[in-house]
Amino acid sequence: MKIRLDRTLCDGFGACAAHAPGYFSLDDWGYASLEGDGVVDPADRDGVLRALFDCPAHAIIRMSEPES
């Protein structure tokens, strides 16, 4: 799975960093940044999906599933 973060939509709730700290960090004002290239390791999929579903601003976008 690959994700993207639209920082223009982020309202700084921080749920993403709580659920998937290896993928999201928060700046000094609480706004999220995506760490890395957005490719999600299968072992981290549940946490990243929880971050995506819990984002009230819908700033995390699911781009694709991995190719078989």
PDB file of N, CA and C in Angstrom:
ATOM      1  N   MET A   1       0.848  -1.176   0.000  1.00  0.00           N
ATOM      2  CA  MET A   1       0.000   0.000   0.000  1.00  0.00           C
ATOM      3  C   MET A   1       0.892   1.236   0.000  1.00  0.00           C
ATOM      4  N   LYS A   2       0.431   2.259  -0.681  1.00  0.00           N
ATOM      5  CA  LYS A   2       1.138   3.532  -0.698  1.00  0.00           C
ATOM      6  C   LYS A   2       0.163   4.624  -0.292  1.00  0.00           C
ATOM      7  N   ILE A   3       0.666   5.567   0.507  1.00  0.00           N
ATOM      8  CA  ILE A   3      -0.157   6.675   0.979  1.00  0.00           C
ATOM      9  C   ILE A   3       0.518   7.996   0.636  1.00  0.00           C
ATOM     10  N   ARG A   4      -0.290   9.045   0.724  1.00  0.00           N
ATOM     11  CA  ARG A   4       0.196  10.404   0.517  1.00  0.00           C
ATOM     12  C   ARG A   4      -0.463  11.271   1.582  1.00  0.00           C
ATOM     13  N   LEU A   5       0.211  12.293   2.012  1.00  0.00           N
ATOM     14  CA  LEU A   5      -0.334  13.227   2.982  1.00  0.00           C
ATOM     15  C   LEU A   5      -0.503  14.582   2.313  1.00  0.00           C
ATOM     16  N   ASP A   6      -1.713  15.110   2.349  1.00  0.00           N
ATOM     17  CA  ASP A   6      -1.973  16.455   1.842  1.00  0.00           C
ATOM     18  C   ASP A   6      -1.892  17.416   3.022  1.00  0.00           C
ATOM     19  N   ARG A   7      -0.734  18.036   3.164  1.00  0.00           N
ATOM     20  CA  ARG A   7      -0.502  18.923   4.319  1.00  0.00           C
ATOM     21  C   ARG A   7      -1.430  20.135   4.315  1.00  0.00           C
ATOM     22  N   THR A   8      -1.974  20.499   3.170  1.00  0.00           N
ATOM     23  CA  THR A   8      -2.882  21.642   3.124  1.00  0.00           C
ATOM     24  C   THR A   8      -4.213  21.315   3.797  1.00  0.00           C
ATOM     25  N   LEU A   9      -4.532  20.039   3.935  1.00  0.00           N
ATOM     26  CA  LEU A   9      -5.774  19.628   4.598  1.00  0.00           C
ATOM     27  C   LEU A   9      -5.582  19.357   6.087  1.00  0.00           C
ATOM     28  N   CYS A  10      -4.345  19.115   6.509  1.00  0.00           N
ATOM     29  CA  CYS A  10      -4.065  18.746   7.901  1.00  0.00           C
ATOM     30  C   CYS A  10      -4.489  19.860   8.847  1.00  0.00           C
ATOM     31  N   ASP A  11      -5.245  19.477   9.881  1.00  0.00           N
ATOM     32  CA  ASP A  11      -5.667  20.430  10.911  1.00  0.00           C
ATOM     33  C   ASP A  11      -4.943  20.212  12.229  1.00  0.00           C
ATOM     34  N   GLY A  12      -3.964  19.318  12.252  1.00  0.00           N
ATOM     35  CA  GLY A  12      -3.122  19.139  13.435  1.00  0.00           C
ATOM     36  C   GLY A  12      -3.746  18.347  14.566  1.00  0.00           C
ATOM     37  N   PHE A  13      -4.622  17.407  14.275  1.00  0.00           N
ATOM     38  CA  PHE A  13      -5.220  16.593  15.330  1.00  0.00           C
ATOM     39  C   PHE A  13      -4.219  15.601  15.924  1.00  0.00           C
ATOM     40  N   GLY A  14      -3.283  15.092  15.123  1.00  0.00           N
ATOM     41  CA  GLY A  14      -2.223  14.219  15.624  1.00  0.00           C
ATOM     42  C   GLY A  14      -2.555  12.750  15.721  1.00  0.00           C
ATOM     43  N   ALA A  15      -3.733  12.332  15.294  1.00  0.00           N
ATOM     44  CA  ALA A  15      -4.102  10.912  15.372  1.00  0.00           C
ATOM     45  C   ALA A  15      -3.171  10.056  14.524  1.00  0.00           C
ATOM     46  N   CYS A  16      -2.710  10.594  13.406  1.00  0.00           N
ATOM     47  CA  CYS A  16      -1.832   9.823  12.529  1.00  0.00           C
ATOM     48  C   CYS A  16      -0.534   9.452  13.233  1.00  0.00           C
ATOM     49  N   ALA A  17       0.066  10.398  13.910  1.00  0.00           N
ATOM     50  CA  ALA A  17       1.330  10.130  14.605  1.00  0.00           C
ATOM     51  C   ALA A  17       1.121   9.192  15.784  1.00  0.00           C
ATOM     52  N   ALA A  18      -0.054   9.215  16.394  1.00  0.00           N
ATOM     53  CA  ALA A  18      -0.342   8.297  17.501  1.00  0.00           C
ATOM     54  C   ALA A  18      -0.492   6.864  17.006  1.00  0.00           C
ATOM     55  N   HIS A  19      -1.121   6.683  15.858  1.00  0.00           N
ATOM     56  CA  HIS A  19      -1.371   5.341  15.328  1.00  0.00           C
ATOM     57  C   HIS A  19      -0.209   4.784  14.513  1.00  0.00           C
ATOM     58  N   ALA A  20       0.534   5.636  13.841  1.00  0.00           N
ATOM     59  CA  ALA A  20       1.620   5.174  12.959  1.00  0.00           C
ATOM     60  C   ALA A  20       2.825   6.107  13.082  1.00  0.00           C
ATOM     61  N   PRO A  21       3.475   6.102  14.242  1.00  0.00           N
ATOM     62  CA  PRO A  21       4.580   7.046  14.462  1.00  0.00           C
ATOM     63  C   PRO A  21       5.775   6.840  13.534  1.00  0.00           C
ATOM     64  N   GLY A  22       5.910   5.673  12.956  1.00  0.00           N
ATOM     65  CA  GLY A  22       6.997   5.442  12.011  1.00  0.00           C
ATOM     66  C   GLY A  22       6.763   6.085  10.660  1.00  0.00           C
ATOM     67  N   TYR A  23       5.547   6.529  10.413  1.00  0.00           N
ATOM     68  CA  TYR A  23       5.176   7.113   9.124  1.00  0.00           C
ATOM     69  C   TYR A  23       4.833   8.587   9.218  1.00  0.00           C
ATOM     70  N   PHE A  24       4.416   9.036  10.387  1.00  0.00           N
ATOM     71  CA  PHE A  24       4.004  10.428  10.559  1.00  0.00           C
ATOM     72  C   PHE A  24       4.716  11.047  11.748  1.00  0.00           C
ATOM     73  N   SER A  25       5.150  12.275  11.557  1.00  0.00           N
ATOM     74  CA  SER A  25       5.696  13.055  12.670  1.00  0.00           C
ATOM     75  C   SER A  25       4.934  14.372  12.719  1.00  0.00           C
ATOM     76  N   LEU A  26       5.007  15.045  13.857  1.00  0.00           N
ATOM     77  CA  LEU A  26       4.308  16.314  14.037  1.00  0.00           C
ATOM     78  C   LEU A  26       5.322  17.434  14.216  1.00  0.00           C
ATOM     79  N   ASP A  27       5.051  18.564  13.581  1.00  0.00           N
ATOM     80  CA  ASP A  27       5.953  19.705  13.741  1.00  0.00           C
ATOM     81  C   ASP A  27       5.628  20.439  15.049  1.00  0.00           C
ATOM     82  N   ASP A  28       6.282  21.555  15.272  1.00  0.00           N
ATOM     83  CA  ASP A  28       6.103  22.304  16.524  1.00  0.00           C
ATOM     84  C   ASP A  28       4.679  22.802  16.737  1.00  0.00           C
ATOM     85  N   TRP A  29       3.906  22.919  15.670  1.00  0.00           N
ATOM     86  CA  TRP A  29       2.522  23.396  15.760  1.00  0.00           C
ATOM     87  C   TRP A  29       1.508  22.260  15.720  1.00  0.00           C
ATOM     88  N   GLY A  30       2.004  21.017  15.646  1.00  0.00           N
ATOM     89  CA  GLY A  30       1.122  19.853  15.663  1.00  0.00           C
ATOM     90  C   GLY A  30       0.673  19.360  14.304  1.00  0.00           C
ATOM     91  N   TYR A  31       1.206  19.933  13.235  1.00  0.00           N
ATOM     92  CA  TYR A  31       0.829  19.502  11.893  1.00  0.00           C
ATOM     93  C   TYR A  31       1.702  18.339  11.436  1.00  0.00           C
ATOM     94  N   ALA A  32       1.114  17.431  10.695  1.00  0.00           N
ATOM     95  CA  ALA A  32       1.784  16.189  10.322  1.00  0.00           C
ATOM     96  C   ALA A  32       2.684  16.339   9.104  1.00  0.00           C
ATOM     97  N   SER A  33       3.699  15.489   9.101  1.00  0.00           N
ATOM     98  CA  SER A  33       4.570  15.290   7.945  1.00  0.00           C
ATOM     99  C   SER A  33       4.657  13.798   7.716  1.00  0.00           C
ATOM    100  N   LEU A  34       4.741  13.406   6.479  1.00  0.00           N
ATOM    101  CA  LEU A  34       4.897  12.001   6.120  1.00  0.00           C
ATOM    102  C   LEU A  34       6.379  11.690   6.071  1.00  0.00           C
ATOM    103  N   GLU A  35       6.775  10.658   6.790  1.00  0.00           N
ATOM    104  CA  GLU A  35       8.166  10.217   6.795  1.00  0.00           C
ATOM    105  C   GLU A  35       8.374   9.216   5.672  1.00  0.00           C
ATOM    106  N   GLY A  36       9.427   9.358   4.912  1.00  0.00           N
ATOM    107  CA  GLY A  36       9.727   8.398   3.852  1.00  0.00           C
ATOM    108  C   GLY A  36       8.928   8.646   2.587  1.00  0.00           C
ATOM    109  N   ASP A  37       8.839   7.587   1.787  1.00  0.00           N
ATOM    110  CA  ASP A  37       8.224   7.699   0.459  1.00  0.00           C
ATOM    111  C   ASP A  37       6.752   7.310   0.417  1.00  0.00           C
ATOM    112  N   GLY A  38       6.183   6.981   1.556  1.00  0.00           N
ATOM    113  CA  GLY A  38       4.766   6.647   1.610  1.00  0.00           C
ATOM    114  C   GLY A  38       4.444   5.187   1.356  1.00  0.00           C
ATOM    115  N   VAL A  39       5.451   4.375   1.071  1.00  0.00           N
ATOM    116  CA  VAL A  39       5.221   2.943   0.882  1.00  0.00           C
ATOM    117  C   VAL A  39       5.121   2.301   2.261  1.00  0.00           C
ATOM    118  N   VAL A  40       4.010   1.612   2.494  1.00  0.00           N
ATOM    119  CA  VAL A  40       3.717   1.038   3.806  1.00  0.00           C
ATOM    120  C   VAL A  40       4.132  -0.428   3.843  1.00  0.00           C
ATOM    121  N   ASP A  41       4.941  -0.758   4.828  1.00  0.00           N
ATOM    122  CA  ASP A  41       5.338  -2.143   5.047  1.00  0.00           C
ATOM    123  C   ASP A  41       4.094  -2.933   5.463  1.00  0.00           C
ATOM    124  N   PRO A  42       3.911  -4.151   4.958  1.00  0.00           N
ATOM    125  CA  PRO A  42       2.728  -4.941   5.325  1.00  0.00           C
ATOM    126  C   PRO A  42       2.545  -5.107   6.834  1.00  0.00           C
ATOM    127  N   ALA A  43       3.627  -5.157   7.576  1.00  0.00           N
ATOM    128  CA  ALA A  43       3.531  -5.307   9.027  1.00  0.00           C
ATOM    129  C   ALA A  43       2.947  -4.057   9.696  1.00  0.00           C
ATOM    130  N   ASP A  44       3.045  -2.910   9.036  1.00  0.00           N
ATOM    131  CA  ASP A  44       2.556  -1.642   9.590  1.00  0.00           C
ATOM    132  C   ASP A  44       1.202  -1.226   9.032  1.00  0.00           C
ATOM    133  N   ARG A  45       0.640  -2.027   8.169  1.00  0.00           N
ATOM    134  CA  ARG A  45      -0.591  -1.685   7.460  1.00  0.00           C
ATOM    135  C   ARG A  45      -1.751  -1.331   8.396  1.00  0.00           C
ATOM    136  N   ASP A  46      -1.975  -2.108   9.441  1.00  0.00           N
ATOM    137  CA  ASP A  46      -3.108  -1.853  10.337  1.00  0.00           C
ATOM    138  C   ASP A  46      -3.007  -0.481  11.010  1.00  0.00           C
ATOM    139  N   GLY A  47      -1.821  -0.131  11.499  1.00  0.00           N
ATOM    140  CA  GLY A  47      -1.638   1.166  12.144  1.00  0.00           C
ATOM    141  C   GLY A  47      -1.818   2.321  11.179  1.00  0.00           C
ATOM    142  N   VAL A  48      -1.309   2.160   9.965  1.00  0.00           N
ATOM    143  CA  VAL A  48      -1.441   3.216   8.963  1.00  0.00           C
ATOM    144  C   VAL A  48      -2.900   3.361   8.520  1.00  0.00           C
ATOM    145  N   LEU A  49      -3.592   2.242   8.353  1.00  0.00           N
ATOM    146  CA  LEU A  49      -5.016   2.317   8.005  1.00  0.00           C
ATOM    147  C   LEU A  49      -5.812   2.979   9.125  1.00  0.00           C
ATOM    148  N   ARG A  50      -5.480   2.682  10.380  1.00  0.00           N
ATOM    149  CA  ARG A  50      -6.169   3.323  11.505  1.00  0.00           C
ATOM    150  C   ARG A  50      -5.908   4.818  11.463  1.00  0.00           C
ATOM    151  N   ALA A  51      -4.679   5.231  11.145  1.00  0.00           N
ATOM    152  CA  ALA A  51      -4.365   6.656  11.024  1.00  0.00           C
ATOM    153  C   ALA A  51      -5.195   7.293   9.911  1.00  0.00           C
ATOM    154  N   LEU A  52      -5.297   6.605   8.782  1.00  0.00           N
ATOM    155  CA  LEU A  52      -6.068   7.103   7.648  1.00  0.00           C
ATOM    156  C   LEU A  52      -7.548   7.261   8.019  1.00  0.00           C
ATOM    157  N   PHE A  53      -8.122   6.242   8.633  1.00  0.00           N
ATOM    158  CA  PHE A  53      -9.545   6.283   8.974  1.00  0.00           C
ATOM    159  C   PHE A  53      -9.857   7.274  10.094  1.00  0.00           C
ATOM    160  N   ASP A  54      -8.888   7.512  10.999  1.00  0.00           N
ATOM    161  CA  ASP A  54      -9.130   8.412  12.130  1.00  0.00           C
ATOM    162  C   ASP A  54      -8.798   9.872  11.833  1.00  0.00           C
ATOM    163  N   CYS A  55      -8.277  10.157  10.649  1.00  0.00           N
ATOM    164  CA  CYS A  55      -7.951  11.544  10.312  1.00  0.00           C
ATOM    165  C   CYS A  55      -9.246  12.304  10.015  1.00  0.00           C
ATOM    166  N   PRO A  56      -9.649  13.229  10.893  1.00  0.00           N
ATOM    167  CA  PRO A  56     -10.909  13.937  10.673  1.00  0.00           C
ATOM    168  C   PRO A  56     -10.866  14.894   9.488  1.00  0.00           C
ATOM    169  N   ALA A  57      -9.667  15.277   9.051  1.00  0.00           N
ATOM    170  CA  ALA A  57      -9.542  16.197   7.922  1.00  0.00           C
ATOM    171  C   ALA A  57      -9.358  15.472   6.587  1.00  0.00           C
ATOM    172  N   HIS A  58      -9.272  14.146   6.642  1.00  0.00           N
ATOM    173  CA  HIS A  58      -9.065  13.327   5.438  1.00  0.00           C
ATOM    174  C   HIS A  58      -7.809  13.759   4.677  1.00  0.00           C
ATOM    175  N   ALA A  59      -6.751  14.056   5.425  1.00  0.00           N
ATOM    176  CA  ALA A  59      -5.503  14.526   4.832  1.00  0.00           C
ATOM    177  C   ALA A  59      -4.610  13.384   4.348  1.00  0.00           C
ATOM    178  N   ILE A  60      -4.906  12.157   4.765  1.00  0.00           N
ATOM    179  CA  ILE A  60      -4.120  10.999   4.352  1.00  0.00           C
ATOM    180  C   ILE A  60      -4.865  10.321   3.211  1.00  0.00           C
ATOM    181  N   ILE A  61      -4.174  10.146   2.101  1.00  0.00           N
ATOM    182  CA  ILE A  61      -4.796   9.590   0.908  1.00  0.00           C
ATOM    183  C   ILE A  61      -4.152   8.251   0.583  1.00  0.00           C
ATOM    184  N   ARG A  62      -4.991   7.245   0.409  1.00  0.00           N
ATOM    185  CA  ARG A  62      -4.522   5.919   0.012  1.00  0.00           C
ATOM    186  C   ARG A  62      -4.338   5.926  -1.495  1.00  0.00           C
ATOM    187  N   MET A  63      -3.104   5.735  -1.933  1.00  0.00           N
ATOM    188  CA  MET A  63      -2.782   5.849  -3.356  1.00  0.00           C
ATOM    189  C   MET A  63      -2.929   4.528  -4.096  1.00  0.00           C
ATOM    190  N   SER A  64      -2.443   3.438  -3.501  1.00  0.00           N
ATOM    191  CA  SER A  64      -2.441   2.181  -4.242  1.00  0.00           C
ATOM    192  C   SER A  64      -2.181   1.004  -3.304  1.00  0.00           C
ATOM    193  N   GLU A  65      -2.424  -0.148  -3.852  1.00  0.00           N
ATOM    194  CA  GLU A  65      -2.041  -1.410  -3.217  1.00  0.00           C
ATOM    195  C   GLU A  65      -0.780  -1.892  -3.911  1.00  0.00           C
ATOM    196  N   PRO A  66       0.022  -2.708  -3.248  1.00  0.00           N
ATOM    197  CA  PRO A  66       1.223  -3.205  -3.914  1.00  0.00           C
ATOM    198  C   PRO A  66       0.867  -4.124  -5.077  1.00  0.00           C
ATOM    199  N   GLU A  67       1.721  -4.130  -6.091  1.00  0.00           N
ATOM    200  CA  GLU A  67       1.499  -5.005  -7.226  1.00  0.00           C
ATOM    201  C   GLU A  67       1.883  -6.424  -6.862  1.00  0.00           C
ATOM    202  N   SER A  68       1.189  -7.396  -7.430  1.00  0.00           N
ATOM    203  CA  SER A  68       1.464  -8.791  -7.140  1.00  0.00           C
ATOM    204  C   SER A  68       2.628  -9.298  -7.945  1.00  0.00           C
TER     205      SER A  68
END
